[in-house]
Every structure is written in C-alpha cells, then in structure tokens.
C-alpha atoms as a PDB file:
ATOM      1  CA  MET A   1     -59.067  53.727 187.838  1.00  0.00           C
ATOM      2  CA  ASP A   2     -60.451  57.118 188.918  1.00  0.00           C
ATOM      3  CA  LYS A   3     -63.121  55.422 190.973  1.00  0.00           C
ATOM      4  CA  LYS A   4     -60.588  53.253 192.770  1.00  0.00           C
ATOM      5  CA  ILE A   5     -58.390  56.295 193.527  1.00  0.00           C
ATOM      6  CA  ILE A   6     -61.325  58.334 194.810  1.00  0.00           C
ATOM      7  CA  LEU A   7     -62.615  55.470 196.943  1.00  0.00           C
ATOM      8  CA  THR A   8     -59.169  54.990 198.426  1.00  0.00           C
ATOM      9  CA  ALA A   9     -59.031  58.734 199.118  1.00  0.00           C
ATOM     10  CA  LEU A  10     -62.329  58.573 200.945  1.00  0.00           C
ATOM     11  CA  VAL A  11     -61.271  55.531 202.969  1.00  0.00           C
ATOM     12  CA  PHE A  12     -58.069  57.393 204.002  1.00  0.00           C
ATOM     13  CA  GLY A  13     -60.171  60.416 205.040  1.00  0.00           C
ATOM     14  CA  PHE A  14     -62.628  58.222 207.022  1.00  0.00           C
ATOM     15  CA  ILE A  15     -59.799  56.332 208.781  1.00  0.00           C
ATOM     16  CA  SER A  16     -57.906  59.484 209.594  1.00  0.00           C
ATOM     17  CA  ILE A  17     -60.964  61.091 211.213  1.00  0.00           C
ATOM     18  CA  MET A  18     -61.790  57.945 213.087  1.00  0.00           C
ATOM     19  CA  LEU A  19     -58.206  57.478 214.344  1.00  0.00           C
ATOM     20  CA  GLY A  20     -57.829  61.194 215.106  1.00  0.00           C
ATOM     21  CA  ALA A  21     -60.884  61.008 217.385  1.00  0.00           C
ATOM     22  CA  PHE A  22     -59.731  57.742 218.924  1.00  0.00           C
ATOM     23  CA  GLY A  23     -56.308  59.282 219.608  1.00  0.00           C
ATOM     24  CA  ALA A  24     -57.773  62.456 221.108  1.00  0.00           C
ATOM     25  CA  HIS A  25     -60.179  60.639 223.406  1.00  0.00           C
ATOM     26  CA  ALA A  26     -59.102  57.056 224.141  1.00  0.00           C
ATOM     27  CA  LEU A  27     -55.406  57.100 223.545  1.00  0.00           C
ATOM     28  CA  LYS A  28     -54.812  60.390 225.344  1.00  0.00           C
ATOM     29  CA  LYS A  29     -55.207  58.477 228.628  1.00  0.00           C
ATOM     30  CA  VAL A  30     -52.789  55.661 227.841  1.00  0.00           C
ATOM     31  CA  LEU A  31     -50.034  57.161 225.634  1.00  0.00           C
ATOM     32  CA  THR A  32     -47.220  59.455 226.627  1.00  0.00           C
ATOM     33  CA  PRO A  33     -47.437  63.008 225.074  1.00  0.00           C
ATOM     34  CA  GLU A  34     -44.555  62.003 222.732  1.00  0.00           C
ATOM     35  CA  GLN A  35     -46.412  58.853 221.594  1.00  0.00           C
ATOM     36  CA  LEU A  36     -49.623  60.757 221.119  1.00  0.00           C
ATOM     37  CA  SER A  37     -47.803  63.433 219.085  1.00  0.00           C
ATOM     38  CA  SER A  38     -46.333  60.685 216.835  1.00  0.00           C
ATOM     39  CA  PHE A  39     -49.758  59.120 216.438  1.00  0.00           C
ATOM     40  CA  GLU A  40     -51.138  62.485 215.398  1.00  0.00           C
ATOM     41  CA  VAL A  41     -48.446  62.769 212.695  1.00  0.00           C
ATOM     42  CA  GLY A  42     -49.634  59.489 211.274  1.00  0.00           C
ATOM     43  CA  VAL A  43     -53.256  60.757 211.294  1.00  0.00           C
ATOM     44  CA  ARG A  44     -52.239  64.047 209.572  1.00  0.00           C
ATOM     45  CA  TYR A  45     -50.262  62.358 206.836  1.00  0.00           C
ATOM     46  CA  LEU A  46     -53.083  59.886 206.225  1.00  0.00           C
ATOM     47  CA  MET A  47     -55.474  62.800 205.706  1.00  0.00           C
ATOM     48  CA  TYR A  48     -53.013  64.749 203.540  1.00  0.00           C
ATOM     49  CA  HIS A  49     -52.602  61.843 201.239  1.00  0.00           C
ATOM     50  CA  GLY A  50     -56.313  61.132 201.170  1.00  0.00           C
ATOM     51  CA  LEU A  51     -56.717  64.725 199.888  1.00  0.00           C
ATOM     52  CA  PHE A  52     -53.812  64.259 197.442  1.00  0.00           C
ATOM     53  CA  LEU A  53     -55.426  61.082 196.072  1.00  0.00           C
ATOM     54  CA  LEU A  54     -58.735  62.937 195.757  1.00  0.00           C
ATOM     55  CA  PHE A  55     -56.920  65.481 193.545  1.00  0.00           C
ATOM     56  CA  ILE A  56     -55.189  62.722 191.610  1.00  0.00           C
ATOM     57  CA  GLY A  57     -58.455  60.898 191.019  1.00  0.00           C
ATOM     58  CA  THR A  58     -60.334  63.979 189.777  1.00  0.00           C
ATOM     59  CA  THR A  59     -57.716  65.766 187.767  1.00  0.00           C
ATOM     60  CA  GLN A  60     -57.679  65.605 183.993  1.00  0.00           C
ATOM     61  CA  MET A  61     -54.057  66.680 183.948  1.00  0.00           C
ATOM     62  CA  LEU A  62     -52.703  63.170 184.246  1.00  0.00           C
ATOM     63  CA  LEU A  63     -53.038  60.182 181.876  1.00  0.00           C
ATOM     64  CA  PRO A  64     -54.532  57.019 183.335  1.00  0.00           C
ATOM     65  CA  GLU A  65     -51.225  55.212 183.482  1.00  0.00           C
ATOM     66  CA  GLN A  66     -49.696  58.208 185.236  1.00  0.00           C
ATOM     67  CA  LYS A  67     -52.424  58.256 187.783  1.00  0.00           C
ATOM     68  CA  ASN A  68     -51.839  54.588 188.346  1.00  0.00           C
ATOM     69  CA  ILE A  69     -48.161  55.117 189.172  1.00  0.00           C
ATOM     70  CA  VAL A  70     -48.894  58.031 191.492  1.00  0.00           C
ATOM     71  CA  PHE A  71     -51.749  56.126 193.124  1.00  0.00           C
ATOM     72  CA  TYR A  72     -49.726  53.032 194.000  1.00  0.00           C
ATOM     73  CA  LEU A  73     -46.765  55.031 195.253  1.00  0.00           C
ATOM     74  CA  THR A  74     -49.061  57.003 197.476  1.00  0.00           C
ATOM     75  CA  LEU A  75     -51.091  54.007 198.592  1.00  0.00           C
ATOM     76  CA  PHE A  76     -47.994  51.971 199.641  1.00  0.00           C
ATOM     77  CA  GLY A  77     -46.191  55.000 200.961  1.00  0.00           C
ATOM     78  CA  THR A  78     -49.132  55.923 203.199  1.00  0.00           C
ATOM     79  CA  ILE A  79     -49.630  52.420 204.470  1.00  0.00           C
ATOM     80  CA  LEU A  80     -45.945  52.067 205.322  1.00  0.00           C
ATOM     81  CA  PHE A  81     -45.513  55.572 206.765  1.00  0.00           C
ATOM     82  CA  SER A  82     -48.712  56.128 208.718  1.00  0.00           C
ATOM     83  CA  GLY A  83     -49.310  52.494 209.417  1.00  0.00           C
ATOM     84  CA  SER A  84     -45.853  51.995 211.021  1.00  0.00           C
ATOM     85  CA  ILE A  85     -46.307  55.229 212.998  1.00  0.00           C
ATOM     86  CA  PHE A  86     -49.632  53.976 214.335  1.00  0.00           C
ATOM     87  CA  LEU A  87     -48.110  50.688 215.432  1.00  0.00           C
ATOM     88  CA  LEU A  88     -44.951  52.183 216.885  1.00  0.00           C
ATOM     89  CA  SER A  89     -46.682  54.980 218.788  1.00  0.00           C
ATOM     90  CA  SER A  90     -49.516  52.817 220.166  1.00  0.00           C
ATOM     91  CA  SER A  91     -47.215  50.253 221.725  1.00  0.00           C
ATOM     92  CA  GLY A  92     -47.875  51.868 225.122  1.00  0.00           C
ATOM     93  CA  ALA A  93     -51.595  51.000 224.688  1.00  0.00           C
ATOM     94  CA  THR A  94     -51.198  47.594 223.139  1.00  0.00           C
ATOM     95  CA  GLY A  95     -48.300  46.337 225.125  1.00  0.00           C
ATOM     96  CA  LEU A  96     -46.801  45.067 221.861  1.00  0.00           C
ATOM     97  CA  ASN A  97     -43.284  45.875 220.798  1.00  0.00           C
ATOM     98  CA  PHE A  98     -43.239  47.037 217.136  1.00  0.00           C
ATOM     99  CA  LYS A  99     -39.764  48.544 217.200  1.00  0.00           C
ATOM    100  CA  PHE A 100     -38.641  46.094 214.495  1.00  0.00           C
ATOM    101  CA  ILE A 101     -40.812  47.967 211.940  1.00  0.00           C
ATOM    102  CA  GLY A 102     -39.107  51.296 212.661  1.00  0.00           C
ATOM    103  CA  PRO A 103     -37.108  51.184 209.431  1.00  0.00           C
ATOM    104  CA  ILE A 104     -40.303  50.937 207.410  1.00  0.00           C
ATOM    105  CA  THR A 105     -41.363  54.503 208.235  1.00  0.00           C
ATOM    106  CA  PRO A 106     -38.714  56.246 206.197  1.00  0.00           C
ATOM    107  CA  VAL A 107     -39.339  53.891 203.308  1.00  0.00           C
ATOM    108  CA  GLY A 108     -43.005  54.911 203.315  1.00  0.00           C
ATOM    109  CA  GLY A 109     -41.971  58.568 203.562  1.00  0.00           C
ATOM    110  CA  LEU A 110     -39.641  58.188 200.550  1.00  0.00           C
ATOM    111  CA  LEU A 111     -42.483  56.673 198.512  1.00  0.00           C
ATOM    112  CA  LEU A 112     -44.670  59.574 199.457  1.00  0.00           C
ATOM    113  CA  ILE A 113     -42.032  62.122 198.386  1.00  0.00           C
ATOM    114  CA  VAL A 114     -41.558  60.284 195.105  1.00  0.00           C
ATOM    115  CA  SER A 115     -45.316  60.283 194.425  1.00  0.00           C
ATOM    116  CA  TRP A 116     -45.481  64.040 194.810  1.00  0.00           C
ATOM    117  CA  ILE A 117     -42.344  64.556 192.640  1.00  0.00           C
ATOM    118  CA  ILE A 118     -43.701  62.311 189.919  1.00  0.00           C
ATOM    119  CA  ALA A 119     -47.100  63.997 189.969  1.00  0.00           C
ATOM    120  CA  PHE A 120     -45.349  67.350 189.657  1.00  0.00           C
ATOM    121  CA  TYR A 121     -43.175  66.042 186.795  1.00  0.00           C
ATOM    122  CA  TYR A 122     -46.197  64.641 184.868  1.00  0.00           C
ATOM    123  CA  ILE A 123     -48.182  67.771 185.209  1.00  0.00           C
ATOM    124  CA  SER A 124     -45.243  69.986 184.370  1.00  0.00           C
ATOM    125  CA  ILE A 125     -44.571  68.169 181.045  1.00  0.00           C
ATOM    126  CA  LYS A 126     -48.236  68.171 180.034  1.00  0.00           C
ATOM    127  CA  LYS A 127     -48.771  70.257 176.968  1.00  0.00           C
ATOM    128  CA  GLY A 128     -51.585  72.877 177.037  1.00  0.00           C
END
C-alpha cells in the first residue's frame, strides 16, 4: 500500500508541475486572469495533496488500513476538486462548457477536508 500511495504522490507532483508550466506559458494567452487564477488553485491543491500523500505513504504513525482510508479520500477528493477546477477554468481554451460539473468541486473539497481530519484523528489517538 505504501508504494501505491507514494507513486500516486509522485504522479500528483509531476502533473502539478506540468500543468503549472502549461498554465503559466500556454494558457496565459487564452484564459482570462480569473480563469488562470482558478487553474492555478487546482495546480496548488494537486501539489499540496501530492505532498500530503507522500507523508501518508512514508509515516509509521498510521496503520495500513488507516493509510488506505486517508489515501482514497485524498485521491478522490483531489481528482474531483482539482480535476473539476481544471475543466471549468480551461473552458475558454477548449471551447467546451463544463459548468454542469461545478457542484463536483465542493464535494472534492469536502473529501480533502475529511482526509486531513481523519489523518489528524488517527495520529492523535496513536499510543506512544
């Protein structure tokens, strides 16, 4: 499980760097400042949660089943949160209307919040 978590963390990091560079160079010319700012929020949260998963995958403070719960909450939360932001904010470049996925963003955000709370809870109840 640790290997899967760490590999996911590394993929999140790679994608966030790639999309950050893409946003700064290619999308800067086709998105409004507001759209670009939203896109950058998606990039930041993707990186933040890549780093969070790196911690989860390497810590000995969580049991494997606890890591599993935090991992899946973070994985799906990040995909829903950052993924929906990427689609919504890049509509100016793609010409596609993704407004129907707008309600997915807060669901992803809620999953991310819950993942941090659960990780905090598991670590706080650990003896020793």
